[in-house]
Amino acid sequence: MLKVKICGITNYDDALSATNLGADYLGFHLIKDSPKKVSDKMLKDVNEKLPPFVLAVGIFADSDQKTITKVVKKTGIKAVQLNGNETPEFCKALSISLGVKVLKYMKFTTVEELAQLQAYVGNVDYFVLDISSTDENGNISIVTDNLSTLENISVPCFITGGISSDNVEEIVEKYKPYAVEADSSIERLQRRKDFNKTAEFIKSAHSL
């Protein structure tokens, strides 16, 4: 079945709701300047209450290994997502030293950019590919390039970027991903998810 990740979780209520609605992964921002950053304590408290089939993912960007190690040991999370310029070697070292699943985020706007993913094959567990594009007016659109290229990547892919219940079927049909992720498209406020939108997204994705 298609997996679902709800990202940008900032509070226990949203984490509980997403879990009860059937989310497979929950994403928590630990990036210093992120408006959705959570504390180590909050993440630890939530992670301890999650069922074993729901994976909490701590999201970092260009943090050093010492910082990530400290958070992982303090919170007990078993997966990290790297959103910065982390090298394949860094990803592999993190995976080995901490025994965590490693997700590598990449912005994807053209098929040509997929070439840079190859260096990470064998060094990460998953790719998180952002297919959204923002124009000068702040309008978000979704890339619809030759998506069949993804089929040649031997690493399972999460697809993210402007995905909602309205377009998830089209996205899955074109990309055939391992998982889909939603964040701002299912928000009520910047740090609060909309229960109905979250429910509809998870239901739509899991039906595919």
N, C-alpha and C. Protein backbone atom coordinates (compact mmCIF):
# COMPACT_ATOMS: atom_id res chain seq x y z
N MET A 1 0.82 -1.19 0.00
CA MET A 1 0.00 0.00 0.00
C MET A 1 0.87 1.26 0.00
N LEU A 2 0.41 2.29 -0.68
CA LEU A 2 1.09 3.57 -0.68
C LEU A 2 1.22 4.10 0.74
N LYS A 3 2.42 4.54 1.11
CA LYS A 3 2.65 5.09 2.44
C LYS A 3 2.36 6.58 2.47
N VAL A 4 2.04 7.08 3.66
CA VAL A 4 1.69 8.50 3.82
C VAL A 4 2.52 9.12 4.94
N LYS A 5 3.09 10.29 4.64
CA LYS A 5 3.85 11.05 5.64
C LYS A 5 3.18 12.39 5.84
N ILE A 6 2.90 12.71 7.09
CA ILE A 6 2.36 14.02 7.44
C ILE A 6 3.51 14.81 8.05
N CYS A 7 3.87 15.89 7.41
CA CYS A 7 5.06 16.64 7.83
C CYS A 7 4.69 17.97 8.48
N GLY A 8 5.66 18.52 9.20
CA GLY A 8 5.43 19.81 9.86
C GLY A 8 4.56 19.68 11.10
N ILE A 9 4.61 18.52 11.76
CA ILE A 9 3.86 18.33 13.00
C ILE A 9 4.53 19.15 14.10
N THR A 10 3.72 19.91 14.85
CA THR A 10 4.30 20.78 15.89
C THR A 10 3.71 20.52 17.27
N ASN A 11 2.73 19.64 17.37
CA ASN A 11 2.06 19.45 18.65
C ASN A 11 1.53 18.02 18.77
N TYR A 12 1.26 17.62 20.00
CA TYR A 12 0.84 16.25 20.25
C TYR A 12 -0.53 15.95 19.64
N ASP A 13 -1.45 16.89 19.69
CA ASP A 13 -2.80 16.65 19.16
C ASP A 13 -2.77 16.32 17.67
N ASP A 14 -1.98 17.06 16.91
CA ASP A 14 -1.88 16.79 15.48
C ASP A 14 -1.20 15.45 15.22
N ALA A 15 -0.21 15.13 16.04
CA ALA A 15 0.48 13.85 15.89
C ALA A 15 -0.49 12.70 16.17
N LEU A 16 -1.29 12.84 17.22
CA LEU A 16 -2.25 11.81 17.58
C LEU A 16 -3.32 11.66 16.50
N SER A 17 -3.81 12.79 16.00
CA SER A 17 -4.83 12.75 14.96
C SER A 17 -4.31 12.05 13.71
N ALA A 18 -3.12 12.45 13.27
CA ALA A 18 -2.54 11.86 12.07
C ALA A 18 -2.33 10.36 12.25
N THR A 19 -1.89 9.97 13.44
CA THR A 19 -1.67 8.56 13.73
C THR A 19 -2.98 7.78 13.68
N ASN A 20 -4.00 8.31 14.32
CA ASN A 20 -5.30 7.64 14.35
C ASN A 20 -5.95 7.58 12.98
N LEU A 21 -5.61 8.54 12.13
CA LEU A 21 -6.16 8.57 10.78
C LEU A 21 -5.42 7.65 9.82
N GLY A 22 -4.27 7.11 10.26
CA GLY A 22 -3.57 6.12 9.45
C GLY A 22 -2.25 6.54 8.85
N ALA A 23 -1.68 7.67 9.29
CA ALA A 23 -0.37 8.09 8.77
C ALA A 23 0.69 7.05 9.11
N ASP A 24 1.64 6.87 8.20
CA ASP A 24 2.73 5.92 8.41
C ASP A 24 3.99 6.60 8.94
N TYR A 25 4.17 7.86 8.58
CA TYR A 25 5.34 8.64 8.99
C TYR A 25 4.88 10.02 9.46
N LEU A 26 5.54 10.55 10.48
CA LEU A 26 5.28 11.91 10.96
C LEU A 26 6.60 12.67 10.92
N GLY A 27 6.59 13.87 10.30
CA GLY A 27 7.80 14.66 10.18
C GLY A 27 7.83 15.82 11.15
N PHE A 28 8.97 16.00 11.83
CA PHE A 28 9.13 17.04 12.84
C PHE A 28 10.36 17.89 12.50
N HIS A 29 10.16 19.19 12.35
CA HIS A 29 11.25 20.08 11.98
C HIS A 29 12.16 20.37 13.18
N LEU A 30 13.45 20.15 12.98
CA LEU A 30 14.46 20.47 13.99
C LEU A 30 15.45 21.46 13.41
N ILE A 31 15.05 22.10 12.32
CA ILE A 31 15.88 23.11 11.65
C ILE A 31 15.77 24.43 12.41
N LYS A 32 16.89 25.01 12.73
CA LYS A 32 16.95 26.18 13.63
C LYS A 32 15.97 27.28 13.27
N ASP A 33 15.92 27.69 12.02
CA ASP A 33 15.10 28.85 11.64
C ASP A 33 13.72 28.48 11.11
N SER A 34 13.35 27.23 11.21
CA SER A 34 12.04 26.82 10.70
C SER A 34 10.92 27.34 11.60
N PRO A 35 9.86 27.90 11.02
CA PRO A 35 8.72 28.35 11.84
C PRO A 35 7.96 27.19 12.47
N LYS A 36 8.29 25.98 12.05
CA LYS A 36 7.62 24.79 12.60
C LYS A 36 8.57 23.97 13.47
N LYS A 37 9.65 24.59 13.91
CA LYS A 37 10.63 23.87 14.74
C LYS A 37 9.98 23.41 16.04
N VAL A 38 10.33 22.19 16.45
CA VAL A 38 9.84 21.66 17.72
C VAL A 38 11.02 21.45 18.66
N SER A 39 10.71 21.34 19.94
CA SER A 39 11.76 21.10 20.93
C SER A 39 12.07 19.61 21.01
N ASP A 40 13.26 19.31 21.49
CA ASP A 40 13.65 17.92 21.68
C ASP A 40 12.68 17.23 22.65
N LYS A 41 12.28 17.95 23.68
CA LYS A 41 11.38 17.37 24.68
C LYS A 41 10.03 17.01 24.07
N MET A 42 9.48 17.92 23.26
CA MET A 42 8.19 17.65 22.63
C MET A 42 8.28 16.42 21.74
N LEU A 43 9.35 16.34 20.95
CA LEU A 43 9.53 15.21 20.05
C LEU A 43 9.69 13.91 20.83
N LYS A 44 10.43 13.95 21.91
CA LYS A 44 10.62 12.76 22.76
C LYS A 44 9.28 12.30 23.32
N ASP A 45 8.49 13.24 23.83
CA ASP A 45 7.19 12.90 24.42
C ASP A 45 6.26 12.26 23.39
N VAL A 46 6.24 12.84 22.19
CA VAL A 46 5.38 12.30 21.13
C VAL A 46 5.88 10.93 20.68
N ASN A 47 7.18 10.83 20.45
CA ASN A 47 7.76 9.59 19.94
C ASN A 47 7.50 8.42 20.88
N GLU A 48 7.55 8.67 22.18
CA GLU A 48 7.33 7.61 23.16
C GLU A 48 5.90 7.09 23.14
N LYS A 49 4.97 7.90 22.62
CA LYS A 49 3.56 7.50 22.60
C LYS A 49 3.11 6.93 21.26
N LEU A 50 3.98 6.97 20.26
CA LEU A 50 3.59 6.48 18.94
C LEU A 50 3.59 4.95 18.92
N PRO A 51 2.66 4.36 18.18
CA PRO A 51 2.68 2.91 18.00
C PRO A 51 3.89 2.52 17.15
N PRO A 52 4.33 1.28 17.23
CA PRO A 52 5.56 0.86 16.53
C PRO A 52 5.49 0.95 15.01
N PHE A 53 4.28 0.99 14.46
CA PHE A 53 4.15 1.04 13.00
C PHE A 53 4.11 2.47 12.45
N VAL A 54 4.26 3.47 13.32
CA VAL A 54 4.33 4.87 12.87
C VAL A 54 5.72 5.39 13.21
N LEU A 55 6.42 5.91 12.20
CA LEU A 55 7.82 6.33 12.37
C LEU A 55 7.92 7.85 12.45
N ALA A 56 8.49 8.33 13.54
CA ALA A 56 8.76 9.76 13.69
C ALA A 56 10.07 10.09 12.97
N VAL A 57 10.04 11.12 12.15
CA VAL A 57 11.21 11.52 11.36
C VAL A 57 11.66 12.91 11.80
N GLY A 58 12.89 13.01 12.28
CA GLY A 58 13.44 14.31 12.65
C GLY A 58 14.10 14.95 11.44
N ILE A 59 13.74 16.18 11.14
CA ILE A 59 14.20 16.85 9.93
C ILE A 59 15.27 17.89 10.26
N PHE A 60 16.45 17.71 9.65
CA PHE A 60 17.59 18.60 9.87
C PHE A 60 18.05 19.19 8.54
N ALA A 61 18.87 20.22 8.61
CA ALA A 61 19.47 20.81 7.41
C ALA A 61 20.86 21.34 7.75
N ASP A 62 21.88 20.67 7.22
CA ASP A 62 23.27 21.06 7.41
C ASP A 62 23.70 21.09 8.88
N SER A 63 23.09 20.26 9.68
CA SER A 63 23.55 20.09 11.07
C SER A 63 24.74 19.14 11.08
N ASP A 64 25.64 19.30 12.05
CA ASP A 64 26.77 18.39 12.13
C ASP A 64 26.34 17.08 12.79
N GLN A 65 27.18 16.08 12.68
CA GLN A 65 26.82 14.75 13.17
C GLN A 65 26.62 14.76 14.69
N LYS A 66 27.40 15.56 15.38
CA LYS A 66 27.28 15.63 16.84
C LYS A 66 25.90 16.13 17.26
N THR A 67 25.41 17.16 16.56
CA THR A 67 24.10 17.73 16.88
C THR A 67 22.99 16.72 16.62
N ILE A 68 23.05 16.06 15.48
CA ILE A 68 22.03 15.07 15.13
C ILE A 68 22.07 13.90 16.10
N THR A 69 23.26 13.46 16.43
CA THR A 69 23.42 12.35 17.37
C THR A 69 22.79 12.67 18.72
N LYS A 70 23.02 13.88 19.19
CA LYS A 70 22.47 14.31 20.48
C LYS A 70 20.94 14.26 20.47
N VAL A 71 20.34 14.75 19.40
CA VAL A 71 18.87 14.77 19.30
C VAL A 71 18.32 13.35 19.20
N VAL A 72 18.95 12.52 18.38
CA VAL A 72 18.47 11.14 18.20
C VAL A 72 18.53 10.38 19.53
N LYS A 73 19.61 10.53 20.26
CA LYS A 73 19.73 9.81 21.53
C LYS A 73 18.78 10.35 22.59
N LYS A 74 18.53 11.65 22.54
CA LYS A 74 17.64 12.25 23.53
C LYS A 74 16.18 11.92 23.26
N THR A 75 15.79 11.87 22.00
CA THR A 75 14.38 11.70 21.64
C THR A 75 14.00 10.25 21.35
N GLY A 76 14.99 9.44 20.96
CA GLY A 76 14.70 8.05 20.64
C GLY A 76 14.15 7.83 19.24
N ILE A 77 14.19 8.85 18.38
CA ILE A 77 13.67 8.68 17.02
C ILE A 77 14.56 7.72 16.24
N LYS A 78 13.97 7.07 15.26
CA LYS A 78 14.69 6.05 14.49
C LYS A 78 14.83 6.41 13.02
N ALA A 79 14.54 7.68 12.69
CA ALA A 79 14.69 8.13 11.31
C ALA A 79 15.01 9.62 11.28
N VAL A 80 15.91 9.99 10.36
CA VAL A 80 16.25 11.40 10.19
C VAL A 80 16.14 11.76 8.71
N GLN A 81 15.70 12.97 8.47
CA GLN A 81 15.62 13.50 7.10
C GLN A 81 16.60 14.66 6.98
N LEU A 82 17.40 14.64 5.93
CA LEU A 82 18.43 15.65 5.74
C LEU A 82 18.05 16.55 4.57
N ASN A 83 17.79 17.84 4.88
CA ASN A 83 17.29 18.79 3.88
C ASN A 83 18.33 19.76 3.36
N GLY A 84 19.58 19.57 3.78
CA GLY A 84 20.61 20.52 3.38
C GLY A 84 21.51 20.00 2.27
N ASN A 85 22.79 20.34 2.37
CA ASN A 85 23.78 19.93 1.36
C ASN A 85 24.62 18.76 1.84
N GLU A 86 24.02 17.88 2.60
CA GLU A 86 24.74 16.74 3.15
C GLU A 86 25.26 15.83 2.04
N THR A 87 26.49 15.38 2.18
CA THR A 87 27.11 14.52 1.17
C THR A 87 26.64 13.07 1.34
N PRO A 88 26.79 12.25 0.30
CA PRO A 88 26.46 10.83 0.43
C PRO A 88 27.24 10.18 1.57
N GLU A 89 28.50 10.56 1.73
CA GLU A 89 29.34 9.99 2.78
C GLU A 89 28.81 10.34 4.18
N PHE A 90 28.35 11.57 4.32
CA PHE A 90 27.78 12.01 5.60
C PHE A 90 26.53 11.20 5.92
N CYS A 91 25.68 11.00 4.92
CA CYS A 91 24.44 10.24 5.10
C CYS A 91 24.75 8.81 5.55
N LYS A 92 25.72 8.20 4.90
CA LYS A 92 26.07 6.82 5.22
C LYS A 92 26.66 6.71 6.62
N ALA A 93 27.52 7.64 6.97
CA ALA A 93 28.15 7.63 8.30
C ALA A 93 27.10 7.77 9.39
N LEU A 94 26.11 8.61 9.14
CA LEU A 94 25.03 8.83 10.10
C LEU A 94 24.22 7.55 10.29
N SER A 95 23.92 6.91 9.18
CA SER A 95 23.15 5.67 9.22
C SER A 95 23.87 4.60 10.02
N ILE A 96 25.17 4.46 9.78
CA ILE A 96 25.95 3.42 10.45
C ILE A 96 26.14 3.72 11.94
N SER A 97 26.48 4.96 12.26
CA SER A 97 26.80 5.29 13.64
C SER A 97 25.56 5.30 14.55
N LEU A 98 24.41 5.69 14.00
CA LEU A 98 23.20 5.82 14.82
C LEU A 98 22.19 4.69 14.60
N GLY A 99 22.36 3.95 13.53
CA GLY A 99 21.41 2.88 13.25
C GLY A 99 20.03 3.38 12.92
N VAL A 100 19.96 4.56 12.29
CA VAL A 100 18.67 5.15 11.92
C VAL A 100 18.43 5.05 10.42
N LYS A 101 17.16 5.16 10.04
CA LYS A 101 16.83 5.29 8.63
C LYS A 101 17.16 6.72 8.20
N VAL A 102 17.75 6.87 7.01
CA VAL A 102 18.12 8.20 6.52
C VAL A 102 17.32 8.53 5.27
N LEU A 103 16.62 9.66 5.33
CA LEU A 103 15.87 10.17 4.18
C LEU A 103 16.61 11.40 3.66
N LYS A 104 16.88 11.48 2.37
CA LYS A 104 17.57 12.64 1.80
C LYS A 104 16.59 13.43 0.94
N TYR A 105 16.41 14.67 1.33
CA TYR A 105 15.52 15.58 0.60
C TYR A 105 16.24 16.20 -0.57
N MET A 106 15.55 16.27 -1.71
CA MET A 106 16.08 16.94 -2.90
C MET A 106 14.97 17.71 -3.58
N LYS A 107 15.31 18.88 -4.09
CA LYS A 107 14.37 19.64 -4.92
C LYS A 107 14.42 19.07 -6.33
N PHE A 108 13.26 18.81 -6.91
CA PHE A 108 13.21 18.19 -8.23
C PHE A 108 12.35 19.04 -9.16
N THR A 109 12.98 19.71 -10.10
CA THR A 109 12.22 20.53 -11.06
C THR A 109 12.42 20.08 -12.50
N THR A 110 13.49 19.34 -12.76
CA THR A 110 13.72 18.80 -14.10
C THR A 110 14.27 17.38 -13.99
N VAL A 111 14.06 16.60 -15.02
CA VAL A 111 14.56 15.23 -15.03
C VAL A 111 16.08 15.21 -14.91
N GLU A 112 16.74 16.22 -15.50
CA GLU A 112 18.20 16.27 -15.47
C GLU A 112 18.73 16.27 -14.03
N GLU A 113 17.97 16.87 -13.13
CA GLU A 113 18.41 16.95 -11.74
C GLU A 113 18.43 15.59 -11.06
N LEU A 114 17.73 14.63 -11.64
CA LEU A 114 17.71 13.31 -11.04
C LEU A 114 19.09 12.64 -11.06
N ALA A 115 19.95 13.09 -11.95
CA ALA A 115 21.29 12.50 -12.06
C ALA A 115 22.05 12.61 -10.74
N GLN A 116 21.82 13.70 -10.02
CA GLN A 116 22.56 13.89 -8.77
C GLN A 116 22.12 12.91 -7.68
N LEU A 117 21.00 12.24 -7.87
CA LEU A 117 20.54 11.27 -6.89
C LEU A 117 21.41 10.02 -6.88
N GLN A 118 22.00 9.71 -8.02
CA GLN A 118 22.74 8.45 -8.14
C GLN A 118 23.85 8.31 -7.12
N ALA A 119 24.49 9.41 -6.77
CA ALA A 119 25.60 9.36 -5.81
C ALA A 119 25.12 8.93 -4.43
N TYR A 120 23.81 9.10 -4.16
CA TYR A 120 23.27 8.76 -2.85
C TYR A 120 22.74 7.33 -2.78
N VAL A 121 22.62 6.68 -3.93
CA VAL A 121 22.14 5.31 -3.95
C VAL A 121 23.11 4.42 -3.17
N GLY A 122 22.59 3.66 -2.22
CA GLY A 122 23.43 2.84 -1.36
C GLY A 122 23.87 3.55 -0.11
N ASN A 123 23.60 4.86 -0.02
CA ASN A 123 24.00 5.66 1.14
C ASN A 123 22.81 6.18 1.94
N VAL A 124 21.63 6.12 1.38
CA VAL A 124 20.42 6.55 2.07
C VAL A 124 19.35 5.48 1.91
N ASP A 125 18.34 5.55 2.78
CA ASP A 125 17.25 4.58 2.71
C ASP A 125 16.10 5.05 1.83
N TYR A 126 15.90 6.37 1.79
CA TYR A 126 14.80 6.93 0.99
C TYR A 126 15.22 8.29 0.42
N PHE A 127 14.59 8.65 -0.69
CA PHE A 127 14.67 10.02 -1.20
C PHE A 127 13.34 10.71 -0.91
N VAL A 128 13.41 12.01 -0.60
CA VAL A 128 12.22 12.83 -0.49
C VAL A 128 12.33 13.88 -1.59
N LEU A 129 11.54 13.74 -2.63
CA LEU A 129 11.64 14.61 -3.80
C LEU A 129 10.54 15.66 -3.79
N ASP A 130 10.97 16.91 -3.73
CA ASP A 130 10.03 18.05 -3.73
C ASP A 130 9.75 18.45 -5.17
N ILE A 131 8.51 18.25 -5.60
CA ILE A 131 8.16 18.53 -6.99
C ILE A 131 7.46 19.87 -7.18
N SER A 132 7.46 20.71 -6.14
CA SER A 132 6.79 22.01 -6.26
C SER A 132 7.72 23.06 -6.82
N SER A 133 7.13 24.00 -7.51
CA SER A 133 7.88 25.13 -8.08
C SER A 133 7.11 26.41 -7.76
N THR A 134 7.82 27.42 -7.24
CA THR A 134 7.18 28.67 -6.86
C THR A 134 7.63 29.79 -7.79
N ASP A 135 6.67 30.51 -8.39
CA ASP A 135 7.03 31.61 -9.29
C ASP A 135 7.27 32.90 -8.52
N GLU A 136 7.54 33.97 -9.25
CA GLU A 136 7.90 35.23 -8.61
C GLU A 136 6.74 35.84 -7.80
N ASN A 137 5.52 35.38 -8.06
CA ASN A 137 4.37 35.88 -7.33
C ASN A 137 3.99 34.99 -6.14
N GLY A 138 4.79 33.96 -5.92
CA GLY A 138 4.53 33.06 -4.82
C GLY A 138 3.54 31.96 -5.12
N ASN A 139 3.15 31.83 -6.37
CA ASN A 139 2.21 30.79 -6.76
C ASN A 139 2.94 29.46 -6.89
N ILE A 140 2.36 28.41 -6.35
CA ILE A 140 2.99 27.09 -6.36
C ILE A 140 2.39 26.23 -7.45
N SER A 141 3.25 25.63 -8.23
CA SER A 141 2.80 24.68 -9.25
C SER A 141 3.58 23.38 -9.06
N ILE A 142 3.13 22.33 -9.76
CA ILE A 142 3.75 21.02 -9.61
C ILE A 142 4.39 20.60 -10.92
N VAL A 143 5.60 20.08 -10.82
CA VAL A 143 6.35 19.65 -12.00
C VAL A 143 5.69 18.43 -12.62
N THR A 144 5.56 18.43 -13.93
CA THR A 144 4.99 17.27 -14.63
C THR A 144 5.90 16.89 -15.78
N ASP A 145 7.20 16.80 -15.49
CA ASP A 145 8.18 16.43 -16.50
C ASP A 145 8.08 14.93 -16.79
N ASN A 146 9.05 14.39 -17.46
CA ASN A 146 9.03 12.97 -17.80
C ASN A 146 9.27 12.13 -16.55
N LEU A 147 8.21 11.87 -15.82
CA LEU A 147 8.33 11.29 -14.50
C LEU A 147 8.65 9.80 -14.51
N SER A 148 8.55 9.17 -15.66
CA SER A 148 8.86 7.74 -15.73
C SER A 148 10.32 7.47 -15.37
N THR A 149 11.14 8.52 -15.41
CA THR A 149 12.56 8.38 -15.06
C THR A 149 12.72 7.88 -13.63
N LEU A 150 11.78 8.19 -12.77
CA LEU A 150 11.85 7.78 -11.37
C LEU A 150 11.88 6.26 -11.23
N GLU A 151 11.32 5.58 -12.19
CA GLU A 151 11.25 4.13 -12.12
C GLU A 151 12.65 3.49 -12.16
N ASN A 152 13.64 4.24 -12.63
CA ASN A 152 15.00 3.71 -12.73
C ASN A 152 15.81 3.93 -11.45
N ILE A 153 15.20 4.58 -10.47
CA ILE A 153 15.90 4.84 -9.21
C ILE A 153 15.62 3.68 -8.25
N SER A 154 16.68 3.08 -7.74
CA SER A 154 16.53 1.89 -6.91
C SER A 154 16.27 2.20 -5.44
N VAL A 155 16.09 3.47 -5.11
CA VAL A 155 15.80 3.88 -3.74
C VAL A 155 14.34 4.31 -3.66
N PRO A 156 13.58 3.83 -2.68
CA PRO A 156 12.18 4.24 -2.54
C PRO A 156 12.05 5.76 -2.40
N CYS A 157 11.07 6.35 -3.07
CA CYS A 157 10.91 7.80 -3.10
C CYS A 157 9.62 8.27 -2.43
N PHE A 158 9.77 9.28 -1.57
CA PHE A 158 8.64 10.04 -1.07
C PHE A 158 8.48 11.21 -2.03
N ILE A 159 7.25 11.56 -2.37
CA ILE A 159 7.00 12.72 -3.20
C ILE A 159 6.30 13.77 -2.36
N THR A 160 6.79 15.01 -2.41
CA THR A 160 6.21 16.09 -1.62
C THR A 160 6.14 17.36 -2.45
N GLY A 161 5.43 18.36 -1.93
CA GLY A 161 5.35 19.66 -2.59
C GLY A 161 3.97 19.96 -3.14
N GLY A 162 3.13 20.61 -2.33
CA GLY A 162 1.82 21.02 -2.80
C GLY A 162 0.85 19.88 -3.05
N ILE A 163 1.06 18.74 -2.40
CA ILE A 163 0.18 17.60 -2.62
C ILE A 163 -0.97 17.63 -1.62
N SER A 164 -2.17 17.36 -2.13
CA SER A 164 -3.38 17.33 -1.30
C SER A 164 -4.29 16.23 -1.82
N SER A 165 -5.45 16.10 -1.20
CA SER A 165 -6.40 15.09 -1.65
C SER A 165 -6.89 15.38 -3.07
N ASP A 166 -6.78 16.64 -3.49
CA ASP A 166 -7.26 17.03 -4.83
C ASP A 166 -6.37 16.52 -5.95
N ASN A 167 -5.08 16.38 -5.68
CA ASN A 167 -4.17 15.99 -6.78
C ASN A 167 -3.34 14.74 -6.50
N VAL A 168 -3.55 14.11 -5.35
CA VAL A 168 -2.70 12.98 -4.99
C VAL A 168 -2.86 11.81 -5.96
N GLU A 169 -4.05 11.59 -6.49
CA GLU A 169 -4.24 10.49 -7.44
C GLU A 169 -3.42 10.72 -8.71
N GLU A 170 -3.43 11.95 -9.20
CA GLU A 170 -2.65 12.28 -10.40
C GLU A 170 -1.15 12.12 -10.14
N ILE A 171 -0.71 12.58 -8.97
CA ILE A 171 0.70 12.49 -8.60
C ILE A 171 1.15 11.03 -8.53
N VAL A 172 0.36 10.20 -7.90
CA VAL A 172 0.72 8.79 -7.75
C VAL A 172 0.74 8.09 -9.10
N GLU A 173 -0.22 8.43 -9.94
CA GLU A 173 -0.27 7.81 -11.27
C GLU A 173 0.96 8.16 -12.10
N LYS A 174 1.45 9.38 -11.98
CA LYS A 174 2.59 9.82 -12.78
C LYS A 174 3.93 9.40 -12.17
N TYR A 175 4.04 9.46 -10.86
CA TYR A 175 5.33 9.22 -10.22
C TYR A 175 5.52 7.79 -9.72
N LYS A 176 4.41 7.13 -9.39
CA LYS A 176 4.46 5.78 -8.80
C LYS A 176 5.44 5.73 -7.62
N PRO A 177 5.25 6.61 -6.64
CA PRO A 177 6.19 6.68 -5.52
C PRO A 177 5.94 5.60 -4.47
N TYR A 178 6.88 5.49 -3.56
CA TYR A 178 6.72 4.64 -2.39
C TYR A 178 5.77 5.30 -1.40
N ALA A 179 5.86 6.64 -1.31
CA ALA A 179 5.05 7.38 -0.33
C ALA A 179 4.78 8.78 -0.83
N VAL A 180 3.75 9.40 -0.27
CA VAL A 180 3.44 10.80 -0.55
C VAL A 180 3.44 11.55 0.78
N GLU A 181 3.76 12.84 0.68
CA GLU A 181 3.85 13.66 1.89
C GLU A 181 3.02 14.93 1.72
N ALA A 182 2.36 15.34 2.79
CA ALA A 182 1.61 16.60 2.79
C ALA A 182 2.00 17.41 4.01
N ASP A 183 1.98 18.73 3.85
CA ASP A 183 2.33 19.62 4.96
C ASP A 183 1.41 20.84 4.92
N SER A 184 1.84 21.90 4.22
CA SER A 184 1.07 23.14 4.23
C SER A 184 -0.32 23.01 3.59
N SER A 185 -0.47 22.05 2.70
CA SER A 185 -1.76 21.89 2.01
C SER A 185 -2.86 21.37 2.94
N ILE A 186 -2.48 20.85 4.10
CA ILE A 186 -3.47 20.33 5.03
C ILE A 186 -3.47 21.11 6.35
N GLU A 187 -3.01 22.35 6.30
CA GLU A 187 -2.94 23.18 7.51
C GLU A 187 -4.20 24.02 7.69
N ARG A 188 -4.48 24.30 8.95
CA ARG A 188 -5.49 25.30 9.32
C ARG A 188 -4.78 26.60 9.66
N LEU A 189 -3.68 26.47 10.37
CA LEU A 189 -2.76 27.56 10.67
C LEU A 189 -1.36 27.02 10.43
N GLN A 190 -0.34 27.90 10.46
CA GLN A 190 1.01 27.46 10.14
C GLN A 190 1.49 26.33 11.04
N ARG A 191 1.08 26.33 12.28
CA ARG A 191 1.52 25.31 13.22
C ARG A 191 0.38 24.39 13.68
N ARG A 192 -0.70 24.38 12.91
CA ARG A 192 -1.83 23.51 13.24
C ARG A 192 -2.37 22.85 11.98
N LYS A 193 -2.56 21.55 12.03
CA LYS A 193 -3.15 20.85 10.90
C LYS A 193 -4.67 20.96 10.94
N ASP A 194 -5.28 20.87 9.78
CA ASP A 194 -6.73 20.83 9.66
C ASP A 194 -7.15 19.36 9.68
N PHE A 195 -7.95 18.99 10.65
CA PHE A 195 -8.30 17.58 10.83
C PHE A 195 -8.98 17.01 9.59
N ASN A 196 -9.93 17.73 9.04
CA ASN A 196 -10.69 17.22 7.89
C ASN A 196 -9.81 17.08 6.65
N LYS A 197 -8.94 18.05 6.42
CA LYS A 197 -8.04 17.97 5.27
C LYS A 197 -7.04 16.82 5.43
N THR A 198 -6.56 16.65 6.65
CA THR A 198 -5.63 15.55 6.92
C THR A 198 -6.30 14.21 6.70
N ALA A 199 -7.52 14.09 7.21
CA ALA A 199 -8.27 12.85 7.06
C ALA A 199 -8.53 12.53 5.61
N GLU A 200 -8.93 13.52 4.84
CA GLU A 200 -9.25 13.31 3.43
C GLU A 200 -8.00 12.95 2.64
N PHE A 201 -6.87 13.59 2.98
CA PHE A 201 -5.62 13.29 2.28
C PHE A 201 -5.18 11.85 2.52
N ILE A 202 -5.16 11.45 3.79
CA ILE A 202 -4.73 10.09 4.12
C ILE A 202 -5.67 9.06 3.50
N LYS A 203 -6.96 9.31 3.58
CA LYS A 203 -7.94 8.39 3.00
C LYS A 203 -7.74 8.27 1.49
N SER A 204 -7.56 9.40 0.83
CA SER A 204 -7.37 9.40 -0.63
C SER A 204 -6.11 8.66 -1.02
N ALA A 205 -5.02 8.92 -0.29
CA ALA A 205 -3.74 8.29 -0.62
C ALA A 205 -3.77 6.79 -0.39
N HIS A 206 -4.33 6.37 0.72
CA HIS A 206 -4.35 4.94 1.03
C HIS A 206 -5.31 4.15 0.14
N SER A 207 -6.20 4.84 -0.53
CA SER A 207 -7.13 4.15 -1.44
C SER A 207 -6.51 3.86 -2.79
N LEU A 208 -5.32 4.43 -3.05
CA LEU A 208 -4.68 4.30 -4.36
C LEU A 208 -3.84 3.03 -4.44
